[in-house]
PDB file of all heavy atoms in Angstrom:
ATOM      1  N   THR A   1       2.620 -25.430 -40.899  1.00  0.00           N
ATOM      2  CA  THR A   1       3.833 -25.052 -40.525  1.00  0.00           C
ATOM      3  C   THR A   1       4.203 -23.733 -41.050  1.00  0.00           C
ATOM      4  O   THR A   1       4.691 -22.782 -40.415  1.00  0.00           O
ATOM      5  CB  THR A   1       4.949 -26.103 -40.855  1.00  0.00           C
ATOM      6  OG1 THR A   1       4.559 -27.386 -40.248  1.00  0.00           O
ATOM      7  CG2 THR A   1       6.284 -25.668 -40.438  1.00  0.00           C
ATOM      8  N   ILE A   2       3.945 -23.599 -42.394  1.00  0.00           N
ATOM      9  CA  ILE A   2       4.339 -22.275 -43.049  1.00  0.00           C
ATOM     10  C   ILE A   2       3.403 -21.210 -42.555  1.00  0.00           C
ATOM     11  O   ILE A   2       3.867 -20.078 -42.325  1.00  0.00           O
ATOM     12  CB  ILE A   2       4.183 -22.468 -44.628  1.00  0.00           C
ATOM     13  CG1 ILE A   2       5.277 -23.422 -44.999  1.00  0.00           C
ATOM     14  CG2 ILE A   2       4.317 -21.181 -45.291  1.00  0.00           C
ATOM     15  CD1 ILE A   2       5.070 -23.975 -46.570  1.00  0.00           C
ATOM     16  N   ALA A   3       2.164 -21.545 -42.429  1.00  0.00           N
ATOM     17  CA  ALA A   3       1.183 -20.533 -42.038  1.00  0.00           C
ATOM     18  C   ALA A   3       1.447 -19.940 -40.548  1.00  0.00           C
ATOM     19  O   ALA A   3       1.111 -18.868 -40.269  1.00  0.00           O
ATOM     20  CB  ALA A   3      -0.314 -21.115 -42.114  1.00  0.00           C
ATOM     21  N   THR A   4       1.984 -20.747 -39.685  1.00  0.00           N
ATOM     22  CA  THR A   4       2.288 -20.433 -38.322  1.00  0.00           C
ATOM     23  C   THR A   4       3.623 -19.992 -38.125  1.00  0.00           C
ATOM     24  O   THR A   4       3.904 -19.022 -37.258  1.00  0.00           O
ATOM     25  CB  THR A   4       1.961 -21.491 -37.309  1.00  0.00           C
ATOM     26  OG1 THR A   4       2.702 -22.630 -37.639  1.00  0.00           O
ATOM     27  CG2 THR A   4       0.493 -21.828 -37.202  1.00  0.00           C
ATOM     28  N   ALA A   5       4.526 -20.454 -38.926  1.00  0.00           N
ATOM     29  CA  ALA A   5       5.995 -20.065 -38.753  1.00  0.00           C
ATOM     30  C   ALA A   5       6.199 -18.564 -39.059  1.00  0.00           C
ATOM     31  O   ALA A   5       6.827 -17.813 -38.438  1.00  0.00           O
ATOM     32  CB  ALA A   5       6.915 -20.879 -39.608  1.00  0.00           C
ATOM     33  N   ILE A   6       5.537 -18.120 -40.199  1.00  0.00           N
ATOM     34  CA  ILE A   6       5.798 -16.778 -40.571  1.00  0.00           C
ATOM     35  C   ILE A   6       5.394 -15.715 -39.640  1.00  0.00           C
ATOM     36  O   ILE A   6       6.134 -14.814 -39.137  1.00  0.00           O
ATOM     37  CB  ILE A   6       5.212 -16.526 -42.014  1.00  0.00           C
ATOM     38  CG1 ILE A   6       5.923 -17.320 -43.035  1.00  0.00           C
ATOM     39  CG2 ILE A   6       5.257 -14.980 -42.431  1.00  0.00           C
ATOM     40  CD1 ILE A   6       5.227 -17.384 -44.431  1.00  0.00           C
ATOM     41  N   PRO A   7       4.067 -15.719 -39.145  1.00  0.00           N
ATOM     42  CA  PRO A   7       3.733 -14.767 -38.145  1.00  0.00           C
ATOM     43  C   PRO A   7       4.460 -14.950 -36.742  1.00  0.00           C
ATOM     44  O   PRO A   7       4.643 -13.982 -36.028  1.00  0.00           O
ATOM     45  CB  PRO A   7       2.155 -14.937 -38.034  1.00  0.00           C
ATOM     46  CG  PRO A   7       1.861 -16.160 -38.799  1.00  0.00           C
ATOM     47  CD  PRO A   7       2.918 -16.551 -39.582  1.00  0.00           C
ATOM     48  N   THR A   8       4.647 -16.252 -36.456  1.00  0.00           N
ATOM     49  CA  THR A   8       5.359 -16.417 -35.114  1.00  0.00           C
ATOM     50  C   THR A   8       6.755 -15.796 -35.170  1.00  0.00           C
ATOM     51  O   THR A   8       7.020 -15.040 -34.148  1.00  0.00           O
ATOM     52  CB  THR A   8       5.459 -17.890 -34.806  1.00  0.00           C
ATOM     53  OG1 THR A   8       4.102 -18.469 -34.723  1.00  0.00           O
ATOM     54  CG2 THR A   8       6.041 -18.132 -33.474  1.00  0.00           C
ATOM     55  N   VAL A   9       7.557 -16.030 -36.064  1.00  0.00           N
ATOM     56  CA  VAL A   9       8.935 -15.515 -36.193  1.00  0.00           C
ATOM     57  C   VAL A   9       8.803 -14.057 -36.351  1.00  0.00           C
ATOM     58  O   VAL A   9       9.551 -13.290 -35.693  1.00  0.00           O
ATOM     59  CB  VAL A   9       9.684 -16.230 -37.370  1.00  0.00           C
ATOM     60  CG1 VAL A   9      11.050 -15.611 -37.502  1.00  0.00           C
ATOM     61  CG2 VAL A   9       9.871 -17.753 -36.980  1.00  0.00           C
ATOM     62  N   ALA A  10       7.900 -13.582 -37.192  1.00  0.00           N
ATOM     63  CA  ALA A  10       7.878 -12.100 -37.428  1.00  0.00           C
ATOM     64  C   ALA A  10       7.467 -11.327 -36.117  1.00  0.00           C
ATOM     65  O   ALA A  10       8.106 -10.369 -35.812  1.00  0.00           O
ATOM     66  CB  ALA A  10       6.811 -11.868 -38.554  1.00  0.00           C
ATOM     67  N   SER A  11       6.540 -11.994 -35.357  1.00  0.00           N
ATOM     68  CA  SER A  11       6.041 -11.265 -34.159  1.00  0.00           C
ATOM     69  C   SER A  11       7.220 -11.375 -33.045  1.00  0.00           C
ATOM     70  O   SER A  11       7.337 -10.487 -32.270  1.00  0.00           O
ATOM     71  CB  SER A  11       4.711 -11.773 -33.629  1.00  0.00           C
ATOM     72  OG  SER A  11       4.907 -13.185 -33.169  1.00  0.00           O
ATOM     73  N   ALA A  12       7.924 -12.446 -33.005  1.00  0.00           N
ATOM     74  CA  ALA A  12       9.008 -12.580 -32.120  1.00  0.00           C
ATOM     75  C   ALA A  12      10.158 -11.579 -32.365  1.00  0.00           C
ATOM     76  O   ALA A  12      10.917 -11.205 -31.491  1.00  0.00           O
ATOM     77  CB  ALA A  12       9.581 -14.151 -32.193  1.00  0.00           C
ATOM     78  N   ARG A  13      10.210 -11.104 -33.642  1.00  0.00           N
ATOM     79  CA  ARG A  13      11.241 -10.128 -33.917  1.00  0.00           C
ATOM     80  C   ARG A  13      10.714  -8.747 -33.721  1.00  0.00           C
ATOM     81  O   ARG A  13      11.509  -7.713 -33.466  1.00  0.00           O
ATOM     82  CB  ARG A  13      11.731 -10.305 -35.383  1.00  0.00           C
ATOM     83  CG  ARG A  13      12.158 -11.691 -35.811  1.00  0.00           C
ATOM     84  CD  ARG A  13      13.715 -11.810 -35.818  1.00  0.00           C
ATOM     85  NE  ARG A  13      14.106 -13.012 -36.279  1.00  0.00           N
ATOM     86  CZ  ARG A  13      14.329 -14.130 -35.649  1.00  0.00           C
ATOM     87  NH1 ARG A  13      14.011 -14.134 -34.308  1.00  0.00           N
ATOM     88  NH2 ARG A  13      14.857 -15.158 -36.195  1.00  0.00           N
ATOM     89  N   MET A  14       9.492  -8.453 -34.022  1.00  0.00           N
ATOM     90  CA  MET A  14       9.001  -7.079 -34.085  1.00  0.00           C
ATOM     91  C   MET A  14       8.183  -6.591 -32.791  1.00  0.00           C
ATOM     92  O   MET A  14       8.136  -5.489 -32.398  1.00  0.00           O
ATOM     93  CB  MET A  14       8.106  -6.897 -35.255  1.00  0.00           C
ATOM     94  CG  MET A  14       8.816  -6.915 -36.570  1.00  0.00           C
ATOM     95  SD  MET A  14       7.822  -6.612 -37.923  1.00  0.00           S
ATOM     96  CE  MET A  14       7.571  -8.189 -38.600  1.00  0.00           C
ATOM     97  N   VAL A  15       7.354  -7.523 -32.228  1.00  0.00           N
ATOM     98  CA  VAL A  15       6.564  -7.154 -31.025  1.00  0.00           C
ATOM     99  C   VAL A  15       7.436  -7.237 -29.725  1.00  0.00           C
ATOM    100  O   VAL A  15       8.037  -8.271 -29.486  1.00  0.00           O
ATOM    101  CB  VAL A  15       5.381  -8.096 -30.856  1.00  0.00           C
ATOM    102  CG1 VAL A  15       4.502  -7.706 -29.742  1.00  0.00           C
ATOM    103  CG2 VAL A  15       4.555  -8.042 -32.227  1.00  0.00           C
ATOM    104  N   PRO A  16       7.516  -6.051 -29.027  1.00  0.00           N
ATOM    105  CA  PRO A  16       8.308  -6.074 -27.778  1.00  0.00           C
ATOM    106  C   PRO A  16       8.028  -7.198 -26.792  1.00  0.00           C
ATOM    107  O   PRO A  16       8.948  -7.798 -26.251  1.00  0.00           O
ATOM    108  CB  PRO A  16       8.039  -4.679 -27.214  1.00  0.00           C
ATOM    109  CG  PRO A  16       7.598  -3.867 -28.437  1.00  0.00           C
ATOM    110  CD  PRO A  16       6.894  -4.843 -29.139  1.00  0.00           C
ATOM    111  N   TRP A  17       6.739  -7.434 -26.527  1.00  0.00           N
ATOM    112  CA  TRP A  17       6.325  -8.460 -25.599  1.00  0.00           C
ATOM    113  C   TRP A  17       6.900  -9.817 -26.121  1.00  0.00           C
ATOM    114  O   TRP A  17       7.462 -10.581 -25.212  1.00  0.00           O
ATOM    115  CB  TRP A  17       4.885  -8.534 -25.256  1.00  0.00           C
ATOM    116  CG  TRP A  17       4.535  -9.572 -24.325  1.00  0.00           C
ATOM    117  CD1 TRP A  17       4.521  -9.358 -22.963  1.00  0.00           C
ATOM    118  CD2 TRP A  17       4.244 -10.967 -24.583  1.00  0.00           C
ATOM    119  NE1 TRP A  17       4.011 -10.602 -22.357  1.00  0.00           N
ATOM    120  CE2 TRP A  17       3.999 -11.526 -23.433  1.00  0.00           C
ATOM    121  CE3 TRP A  17       4.125 -11.801 -25.746  1.00  0.00           C
ATOM    122  CZ2 TRP A  17       3.594 -12.871 -23.273  1.00  0.00           C
ATOM    123  CZ3 TRP A  17       3.835 -13.118 -25.612  1.00  0.00           C
ATOM    124  CH2 TRP A  17       3.624 -13.662 -24.368  1.00  0.00           C
ATOM    125  N   ALA A  18       6.633 -10.108 -27.319  1.00  0.00           N
ATOM    126  CA  ALA A  18       6.982 -11.454 -27.819  1.00  0.00           C
ATOM    127  C   ALA A  18       8.473 -11.514 -27.998  1.00  0.00           C
ATOM    128  O   ALA A  18       9.141 -12.627 -27.689  1.00  0.00           O
ATOM    129  CB  ALA A  18       6.429 -11.594 -29.276  1.00  0.00           C
ATOM    130  N   ARG A  19       9.245 -10.536 -28.196  1.00  0.00           N
ATOM    131  CA  ARG A  19      10.724 -10.468 -28.189  1.00  0.00           C
ATOM    132  C   ARG A  19      11.262 -10.745 -26.789  1.00  0.00           C
ATOM    133  O   ARG A  19      12.240 -11.631 -26.627  1.00  0.00           O
ATOM    134  CB  ARG A  19      11.279  -9.183 -28.702  1.00  0.00           C
ATOM    135  CG  ARG A  19      12.741  -9.252 -28.847  1.00  0.00           C
ATOM    136  CD  ARG A  19      13.326  -7.925 -29.245  1.00  0.00           C
ATOM    137  NE  ARG A  19      12.711  -7.323 -30.392  1.00  0.00           N
ATOM    138  CZ  ARG A  19      12.309  -6.088 -30.611  1.00  0.00           C
ATOM    139  NH1 ARG A  19      12.517  -5.233 -29.716  1.00  0.00           N
ATOM    140  NH2 ARG A  19      11.767  -5.678 -31.715  1.00  0.00           N
ATOM    141  N   ALA A  20      10.628 -10.325 -25.791  1.00  0.00           N
ATOM    142  CA  ALA A  20      11.009 -10.545 -24.397  1.00  0.00           C
ATOM    143  C   ALA A  20      10.582 -12.017 -23.870  1.00  0.00           C
ATOM    144  O   ALA A  20      11.314 -12.551 -23.022  1.00  0.00           O
ATOM    145  CB  ALA A  20      10.423  -9.500 -23.519  1.00  0.00           C
ATOM    146  N   HIS A  21       9.504 -12.528 -24.351  1.00  0.00           N
ATOM    147  CA  HIS A  21       9.032 -13.748 -23.776  1.00  0.00           C
ATOM    148  C   HIS A  21       9.015 -14.953 -24.613  1.00  0.00           C
ATOM    149  O   HIS A  21       8.776 -16.159 -24.072  1.00  0.00           O
ATOM    150  CB  HIS A  21       7.559 -13.493 -23.318  1.00  0.00           C
ATOM    151  CG  HIS A  21       7.406 -12.617 -22.112  1.00  0.00           C
ATOM    152  ND1 HIS A  21       7.281 -11.240 -22.360  1.00  0.00           N
ATOM    153  CD2 HIS A  21       7.576 -12.695 -20.769  1.00  0.00           C
ATOM    154  CE1 HIS A  21       7.141 -10.564 -21.198  1.00  0.00           C
ATOM    155  NE2 HIS A  21       7.339 -11.466 -20.207  1.00  0.00           N
ATOM    156  N   LEU A  22       9.232 -14.944 -25.924  1.00  0.00           N
ATOM    157  CA  LEU A  22       9.159 -16.111 -26.727  1.00  0.00           C
ATOM    158  C   LEU A  22      10.623 -16.349 -27.228  1.00  0.00           C
ATOM    159  O   LEU A  22      11.064 -15.833 -28.190  1.00  0.00           O
ATOM    160  CB  LEU A  22       8.207 -15.954 -28.020  1.00  0.00           C
ATOM    161  CG  LEU A  22       6.801 -15.644 -27.693  1.00  0.00           C
ATOM    162  CD1 LEU A  22       6.112 -15.511 -28.957  1.00  0.00           C
ATOM    163  CD2 LEU A  22       6.289 -16.815 -26.928  1.00  0.00           C
ATOM    164  N   ASN A  23      11.271 -17.226 -26.559  1.00  0.00           N
ATOM    165  CA  ASN A  23      12.642 -17.724 -27.140  1.00  0.00           C
ATOM    166  C   ASN A  23      12.343 -18.772 -28.123  1.00  0.00           C
ATOM    167  O   ASN A  23      11.260 -18.982 -28.626  1.00  0.00           O
ATOM    168  CB  ASN A  23      13.466 -18.387 -25.923  1.00  0.00           C
ATOM    169  CG  ASN A  23      12.703 -19.501 -25.290  1.00  0.00           C
ATOM    170  OD1 ASN A  23      11.815 -20.053 -25.713  1.00  0.00           O
ATOM    171  ND2 ASN A  23      13.225 -19.955 -24.136  1.00  0.00           N
ATOM    172  N   HIS A  24      13.523 -19.295 -28.758  1.00  0.00           N
ATOM    173  CA  HIS A  24      13.389 -20.199 -29.920  1.00  0.00           C
ATOM    174  C   HIS A  24      12.604 -21.439 -29.498  1.00  0.00           C
ATOM    175  O   HIS A  24      11.954 -21.970 -30.405  1.00  0.00           O
ATOM    176  CB  HIS A  24      14.830 -20.454 -30.288  1.00  0.00           C
ATOM    177  CG  HIS A  24      15.564 -19.376 -30.912  1.00  0.00           C
ATOM    178  ND1 HIS A  24      15.276 -18.729 -32.118  1.00  0.00           N
ATOM    179  CD2 HIS A  24      16.612 -18.707 -30.298  1.00  0.00           C
ATOM    180  CE1 HIS A  24      16.060 -17.762 -32.318  1.00  0.00           C
ATOM    181  NE2 HIS A  24      16.946 -17.722 -31.226  1.00  0.00           N
ATOM    182  N   THR A  25      12.822 -21.882 -28.320  1.00  0.00           N
ATOM    183  CA  THR A  25      11.947 -23.093 -27.911  1.00  0.00           C
ATOM    184  C   THR A  25      10.548 -22.818 -27.945  1.00  0.00           C
ATOM    185  O   THR A  25       9.738 -23.591 -28.470  1.00  0.00           O
ATOM    186  CB  THR A  25      12.440 -23.601 -26.579  1.00  0.00           C
ATOM    187  OG1 THR A  25      13.897 -23.818 -26.591  1.00  0.00           O
ATOM    188  CG2 THR A  25      11.738 -24.900 -26.241  1.00  0.00           C
ATOM    189  N   ALA A  26      10.008 -21.769 -27.418  1.00  0.00           N
ATOM    190  CA  ALA A  26       8.625 -21.422 -27.453  1.00  0.00           C
ATOM    191  C   ALA A  26       8.108 -21.137 -28.906  1.00  0.00           C
ATOM    192  O   ALA A  26       7.010 -21.577 -29.129  1.00  0.00           O
ATOM    193  CB  ALA A  26       8.332 -20.055 -26.720  1.00  0.00           C
ATOM    194  N   GLN A  27       8.932 -20.592 -29.715  1.00  0.00           N
ATOM    195  CA  GLN A  27       8.554 -20.418 -31.125  1.00  0.00           C
ATOM    196  C   GLN A  27       8.303 -21.843 -31.743  1.00  0.00           C
ATOM    197  O   GLN A  27       7.439 -22.080 -32.512  1.00  0.00           O
ATOM    198  CB  GLN A  27       9.572 -19.655 -31.856  1.00  0.00           C
ATOM    199  CG  GLN A  27       9.511 -18.272 -31.438  1.00  0.00           C
ATOM    200  CD  GLN A  27      10.737 -17.377 -32.064  1.00  0.00           C
ATOM    201  OE1 GLN A  27      11.014 -17.621 -33.238  1.00  0.00           O
ATOM    202  NE2 GLN A  27      11.346 -16.534 -31.263  1.00  0.00           N
ATOM    203  N   ALA A  28       9.326 -22.736 -31.522  1.00  0.00           N
ATOM    204  CA  ALA A  28       9.258 -24.089 -32.105  1.00  0.00           C
ATOM    205  C   ALA A  28       8.070 -24.794 -31.619  1.00  0.00           C
ATOM    206  O   ALA A  28       7.358 -25.511 -32.369  1.00  0.00           O
ATOM    207  CB  ALA A  28      10.526 -24.828 -31.860  1.00  0.00           C
ATOM    208  N   LEU A  29       7.742 -24.647 -30.337  1.00  0.00           N
ATOM    209  CA  LEU A  29       6.517 -25.269 -29.732  1.00  0.00           C
ATOM    210  C   LEU A  29       5.376 -24.846 -30.362  1.00  0.00           C
ATOM    211  O   LEU A  29       4.373 -25.656 -30.676  1.00  0.00           O
ATOM    212  CB  LEU A  29       6.521 -25.040 -28.221  1.00  0.00           C
ATOM    213  CG  LEU A  29       5.479 -25.852 -27.473  1.00  0.00           C
ATOM    214  CD1 LEU A  29       5.626 -27.308 -27.656  1.00  0.00           C
ATOM    215  CD2 LEU A  29       5.589 -25.431 -25.995  1.00  0.00           C
ATOM    216  N   ILE A  30       5.196 -23.520 -30.560  1.00  0.00           N
ATOM    217  CA  ILE A  30       3.942 -23.000 -31.270  1.00  0.00           C
ATOM    218  C   ILE A  30       3.668 -23.545 -32.657  1.00  0.00           C
ATOM    219  O   ILE A  30       2.726 -23.971 -33.055  1.00  0.00           O
ATOM    220  CB  ILE A  30       4.004 -21.420 -31.158  1.00  0.00           C
ATOM    221  CG1 ILE A  30       3.923 -20.862 -29.832  1.00  0.00           C
ATOM    222  CG2 ILE A  30       2.975 -20.876 -32.096  1.00  0.00           C
ATOM    223  CD1 ILE A  30       4.270 -19.414 -29.754  1.00  0.00           C
ATOM    224  N   ILE A  31       4.878 -23.500 -33.388  1.00  0.00           N
ATOM    225  CA  ILE A  31       4.809 -24.024 -34.787  1.00  0.00           C
ATOM    226  C   ILE A  31       4.521 -25.536 -34.817  1.00  0.00           C
ATOM    227  O   ILE A  31       3.661 -25.959 -35.647  1.00  0.00           O
ATOM    228  CB  ILE A  31       6.027 -23.669 -35.425  1.00  0.00           C
ATOM    229  CG1 ILE A  31       6.175 -22.116 -35.608  1.00  0.00           C
ATOM    230  CG2 ILE A  31       6.099 -24.227 -36.859  1.00  0.00           C
ATOM    231  CD1 ILE A  31       7.626 -21.660 -35.992  1.00  0.00           C
ATOM    232  N   SER A  32       5.237 -26.289 -33.993  1.00  0.00           N
ATOM    233  CA  SER A  32       5.005 -27.703 -34.082  1.00  0.00           C
ATOM    234  C   SER A  32       3.627 -28.153 -33.468  1.00  0.00           C
ATOM    235  O   SER A  32       3.139 -29.177 -33.979  1.00  0.00           O
ATOM    236  CB  SER A  32       6.176 -28.517 -33.453  1.00  0.00           C
ATOM    237  OG  SER A  32       6.139 -28.123 -31.990  1.00  0.00           O
ATOM    238  N   THR A  33       3.096 -27.453 -32.671  1.00  0.00           N
ATOM    239  CA  THR A  33       1.721 -27.784 -32.121  1.00  0.00           C
ATOM    240  C   THR A  33       0.728 -27.567 -33.050  1.00  0.00           C
ATOM    241  O   THR A  33      -0.223 -28.491 -33.391  1.00  0.00           O
ATOM    242  CB  THR A  33       1.437 -26.891 -30.908  1.00  0.00           C
ATOM    243  OG1 THR A  33       2.415 -27.219 -29.907  1.00  0.00           O
ATOM    244  CG2 THR A  33       0.112 -27.253 -30.381  1.00  0.00           C
ATOM    245  N   ALA A  34       0.787 -26.478 -33.972  1.00  0.00           N
ATOM    246  CA  ALA A  34      -0.128 -26.224 -35.038  1.00  0.00           C
ATOM    247  C   ALA A  34       0.075 -27.278 -36.134  1.00  0.00           C
ATOM    248  O   ALA A  34      -0.977 -27.772 -36.689  1.00  0.00           O
ATOM    249  CB  ALA A  34       0.048 -24.895 -35.590  1.00  0.00           C
ATOM    250  N   ALA A  35       1.360 -27.662 -36.437  1.00  0.00           N
ATOM    251  CA  ALA A  35       1.476 -28.673 -37.496  1.00  0.00           C
ATOM    252  C   ALA A  35       0.932 -30.007 -37.122  1.00  0.00           C
ATOM    253  O   ALA A  35       0.340 -30.771 -37.785  1.00  0.00           O
ATOM    254  CB  ALA A  35       3.003 -28.775 -37.816  1.00  0.00           C
TER     255      ALA A  35
END
């Protein structure tokens, strides 16, 4: 969870494509799938 949450949230804030396409639900889904 920690290993995937940090890059997922960081990329959703900094990368333009991720900012446009990854809402909070998508971020949570990525993190919870890895966990």
